[in-house]
N, C-alpha and C. Protein backbone atom coordinates (compact mmCIF):
# COMPACT_ATOMS: atom_id res chain seq x y z
N MET A 1 82.91 77.92 136.31
CA MET A 1 83.70 78.60 135.30
C MET A 1 82.89 78.66 134.00
N THR A 2 82.95 79.78 133.34
CA THR A 2 82.25 79.98 132.08
C THR A 2 82.90 79.16 130.97
N ARG A 3 82.09 78.36 130.28
CA ARG A 3 82.56 77.54 129.16
C ARG A 3 82.31 78.31 127.87
N VAL A 4 83.37 78.52 127.10
CA VAL A 4 83.25 79.29 125.87
C VAL A 4 83.75 78.51 124.66
N VAL A 5 83.26 78.93 123.49
CA VAL A 5 83.76 78.42 122.21
C VAL A 5 84.15 79.62 121.35
N TYR A 6 84.99 79.37 120.38
CA TYR A 6 85.40 80.40 119.43
C TYR A 6 84.66 80.18 118.12
N TYR A 7 84.40 81.29 117.43
CA TYR A 7 83.90 81.21 116.06
C TYR A 7 84.67 82.22 115.22
N ALA A 8 85.18 81.76 114.10
CA ALA A 8 85.92 82.63 113.18
C ALA A 8 85.49 82.33 111.76
N ARG A 9 85.59 83.33 110.90
CA ARG A 9 85.23 83.13 109.50
C ARG A 9 85.92 84.17 108.62
N TYR A 10 86.02 83.82 107.36
CA TYR A 10 86.32 84.81 106.34
C TYR A 10 85.49 84.45 105.14
N SER A 11 85.17 85.44 104.31
CA SER A 11 84.12 85.24 103.33
C SER A 11 84.55 84.93 101.90
N THR A 12 85.75 85.25 101.52
CA THR A 12 86.13 84.99 100.14
C THR A 12 87.47 84.29 100.05
N ASP A 13 87.68 83.62 98.93
CA ASP A 13 88.95 82.94 98.72
C ASP A 13 90.09 83.92 98.46
N LYS A 14 89.79 85.21 98.37
CA LYS A 14 90.82 86.23 98.20
C LYS A 14 91.43 86.63 99.54
N GLN A 15 90.82 86.21 100.63
CA GLN A 15 91.35 86.49 101.96
C GLN A 15 92.26 85.36 102.38
N SER A 16 93.11 85.62 103.32
CA SER A 16 94.09 84.65 103.78
C SER A 16 93.47 83.62 104.72
N ALA A 17 93.82 82.36 104.53
CA ALA A 17 93.36 81.30 105.44
C ALA A 17 93.89 81.54 106.84
N SER A 18 95.00 82.26 106.97
CA SER A 18 95.54 82.55 108.30
C SER A 18 94.63 83.50 109.08
N SER A 19 93.67 84.10 108.40
CA SER A 19 92.72 84.99 109.07
C SER A 19 92.01 84.26 110.21
N ILE A 20 91.67 83.00 110.02
CA ILE A 20 90.99 82.24 111.07
C ILE A 20 91.92 82.05 112.26
N GLU A 21 93.17 81.68 112.02
CA GLU A 21 94.11 81.53 113.13
C GLU A 21 94.32 82.86 113.87
N ASP A 22 94.39 83.94 113.11
CA ASP A 22 94.55 85.26 113.74
C ASP A 22 93.35 85.58 114.63
N GLN A 23 92.16 85.29 114.14
CA GLN A 23 90.95 85.54 114.93
C GLN A 23 90.94 84.66 116.19
N PHE A 24 91.34 83.39 116.03
CA PHE A 24 91.38 82.50 117.19
C PHE A 24 92.40 82.98 118.24
N ARG A 25 93.52 83.54 117.80
CA ARG A 25 94.51 84.08 118.75
C ARG A 25 93.91 85.22 119.58
N LEU A 26 93.14 86.09 118.93
CA LEU A 26 92.48 87.17 119.66
C LEU A 26 91.47 86.62 120.66
N CYS A 27 90.73 85.60 120.24
CA CYS A 27 89.75 84.98 121.13
C CYS A 27 90.44 84.31 122.31
N GLU A 28 91.55 83.64 122.05
CA GLU A 28 92.30 82.96 123.12
C GLU A 28 92.77 83.97 124.16
N ALA A 29 93.29 85.11 123.70
CA ALA A 29 93.75 86.14 124.62
C ALA A 29 92.60 86.66 125.48
N HIS A 30 91.45 86.84 124.85
CA HIS A 30 90.27 87.32 125.57
C HIS A 30 89.84 86.29 126.62
N ALA A 31 89.79 85.03 126.25
CA ALA A 31 89.39 83.97 127.18
C ALA A 31 90.37 83.86 128.35
N MET A 32 91.64 83.98 128.07
CA MET A 32 92.64 83.91 129.14
C MET A 32 92.49 85.07 130.12
N ARG A 33 92.28 86.27 129.58
CA ARG A 33 92.09 87.43 130.46
C ARG A 33 90.89 87.24 131.39
N GLU A 34 89.83 86.64 130.86
CA GLU A 34 88.61 86.45 131.63
C GLU A 34 88.60 85.17 132.47
N LYS A 35 89.64 84.33 132.25
CA LYS A 35 89.75 83.04 132.94
C LYS A 35 88.56 82.11 132.61
N TRP A 36 88.21 82.08 131.33
CA TRP A 36 87.14 81.22 130.84
C TRP A 36 87.72 79.90 130.37
N ALA A 37 86.94 78.84 130.44
CA ALA A 37 87.34 77.52 129.94
C ALA A 37 86.93 77.40 128.47
N VAL A 38 87.89 77.20 127.60
CA VAL A 38 87.60 77.03 126.18
C VAL A 38 87.25 75.56 125.93
N VAL A 39 86.05 75.32 125.40
CA VAL A 39 85.59 73.95 125.20
C VAL A 39 85.40 73.58 123.73
N GLY A 40 85.71 74.50 122.81
CA GLY A 40 85.59 74.17 121.40
C GLY A 40 85.81 75.36 120.50
N SER A 41 85.85 75.08 119.20
CA SER A 41 85.98 76.15 118.20
C SER A 41 85.28 75.73 116.92
N TYR A 42 84.86 76.72 116.18
CA TYR A 42 84.15 76.52 114.92
C TYR A 42 84.67 77.56 113.93
N HIS A 43 84.63 77.22 112.65
CA HIS A 43 85.05 78.20 111.65
C HIS A 43 84.39 77.90 110.31
N ASP A 44 84.34 78.94 109.51
CA ASP A 44 83.88 78.84 108.12
C ASP A 44 84.87 79.61 107.27
N ALA A 45 85.39 78.96 106.25
CA ALA A 45 86.40 79.57 105.39
C ALA A 45 85.88 79.76 103.98
N ALA A 46 86.08 80.95 103.45
CA ALA A 46 85.74 81.29 102.06
C ALA A 46 84.28 81.00 101.74
N ILE A 47 83.40 81.33 102.69
CA ILE A 47 81.96 81.17 102.49
C ILE A 47 81.31 82.52 102.78
N SER A 48 80.44 82.97 101.90
CA SER A 48 79.79 84.26 102.06
C SER A 48 79.10 84.38 103.41
N GLY A 49 79.16 85.57 103.97
CA GLY A 49 78.50 85.85 105.24
C GLY A 49 77.07 86.30 105.08
N SER A 50 76.54 86.29 103.85
CA SER A 50 75.20 86.81 103.63
C SER A 50 74.11 85.94 104.23
N GLY A 51 74.41 84.69 104.48
CA GLY A 51 73.43 83.80 105.09
C GLY A 51 74.12 82.75 105.92
N MET A 52 73.40 82.16 106.86
CA MET A 52 74.00 81.16 107.73
C MET A 52 73.76 79.73 107.24
N THR A 53 72.82 79.55 106.35
CA THR A 53 72.43 78.21 105.92
C THR A 53 73.58 77.41 105.32
N LEU A 54 74.41 78.06 104.52
CA LEU A 54 75.48 77.34 103.82
C LEU A 54 76.79 77.29 104.58
N ARG A 55 76.80 77.75 105.83
CA ARG A 55 78.03 77.76 106.61
C ARG A 55 78.00 76.63 107.64
N PRO A 56 78.72 75.53 107.39
CA PRO A 56 78.68 74.38 108.30
C PRO A 56 79.21 74.69 109.70
N GLY A 57 80.18 75.57 109.82
CA GLY A 57 80.73 75.90 111.13
C GLY A 57 79.69 76.55 112.03
N ILE A 58 78.97 77.53 111.49
CA ILE A 58 77.96 78.22 112.31
C ILE A 58 76.78 77.29 112.60
N GLN A 59 76.47 76.40 111.66
CA GLN A 59 75.39 75.44 111.90
C GLN A 59 75.75 74.50 113.05
N ALA A 60 76.99 74.03 113.09
CA ALA A 60 77.43 73.16 114.19
C ALA A 60 77.42 73.93 115.51
N LEU A 61 77.85 75.19 115.48
CA LEU A 61 77.84 76.02 116.68
C LEU A 61 76.41 76.16 117.20
N LEU A 62 75.46 76.42 116.32
CA LEU A 62 74.07 76.58 116.74
C LEU A 62 73.50 75.29 117.33
N ARG A 63 73.82 74.15 116.72
CA ARG A 63 73.36 72.87 117.27
C ARG A 63 73.92 72.65 118.68
N ASP A 64 75.21 72.92 118.85
CA ASP A 64 75.84 72.72 120.16
C ASP A 64 75.29 73.72 121.19
N ALA A 65 74.98 74.94 120.75
CA ALA A 65 74.40 75.93 121.66
C ALA A 65 73.04 75.44 122.16
N GLN A 66 72.23 74.90 121.27
CA GLN A 66 70.92 74.37 121.66
C GLN A 66 71.06 73.20 122.62
N ALA A 67 72.14 72.44 122.48
CA ALA A 67 72.38 71.28 123.36
C ALA A 67 73.00 71.69 124.69
N GLY A 68 73.33 72.97 124.85
CA GLY A 68 73.91 73.45 126.10
C GLY A 68 75.37 73.09 126.29
N ALA A 69 76.09 72.90 125.18
CA ALA A 69 77.49 72.48 125.24
C ALA A 69 78.43 73.57 125.74
N PHE A 70 77.99 74.82 125.74
CA PHE A 70 78.83 75.92 126.19
C PHE A 70 77.94 77.06 126.69
N ASP A 71 78.57 78.02 127.36
CA ASP A 71 77.85 79.15 127.94
C ASP A 71 77.90 80.40 127.09
N ALA A 72 78.98 80.58 126.32
CA ALA A 72 79.15 81.80 125.53
C ALA A 72 80.02 81.50 124.33
N GLU A 73 79.89 82.37 123.30
CA GLU A 73 80.67 82.26 122.07
C GLU A 73 81.52 83.51 121.96
N ILE A 74 82.77 83.32 121.57
CA ILE A 74 83.68 84.45 121.36
C ILE A 74 84.03 84.51 119.88
N SER A 75 83.97 85.69 119.32
CA SER A 75 84.46 85.91 117.95
C SER A 75 85.25 87.21 117.97
N GLN A 76 85.82 87.59 116.85
CA GLN A 76 86.58 88.83 116.83
C GLN A 76 85.68 90.02 117.10
N LYS A 77 84.38 89.85 116.97
CA LYS A 77 83.43 90.93 117.22
C LYS A 77 83.11 91.08 118.70
N GLY A 78 83.49 90.08 119.51
CA GLY A 78 83.20 90.14 120.93
C GLY A 78 82.65 88.83 121.44
N CYS A 79 81.90 88.88 122.51
CA CYS A 79 81.41 87.68 123.16
C CYS A 79 79.90 87.74 123.26
N THR A 80 79.24 86.61 122.99
CA THR A 80 77.79 86.53 123.15
C THR A 80 77.46 85.31 123.98
N SER A 81 76.44 85.42 124.78
CA SER A 81 76.07 84.25 125.60
C SER A 81 75.28 83.26 124.78
N GLY A 82 75.44 81.98 125.09
CA GLY A 82 74.82 80.91 124.33
C GLY A 82 73.52 80.46 124.93
């Protein structure tokens, strides 16, 4: 079974914190349709998307991807293999 993680983010404090939960709901629906095993989630809130260095959620996701902790990542943009 494919092991997946979710990643969600929003970039400014003017956006709603519920944006992350909304994105995770979309990811959950996608994973259920595909019958994938969800093994984790990551997020970054109110942090600019212009670079990855200052986003702790994406940094943790990248570390776990290198360690082979999952097979693919799902975000509202779609799915990418890890």
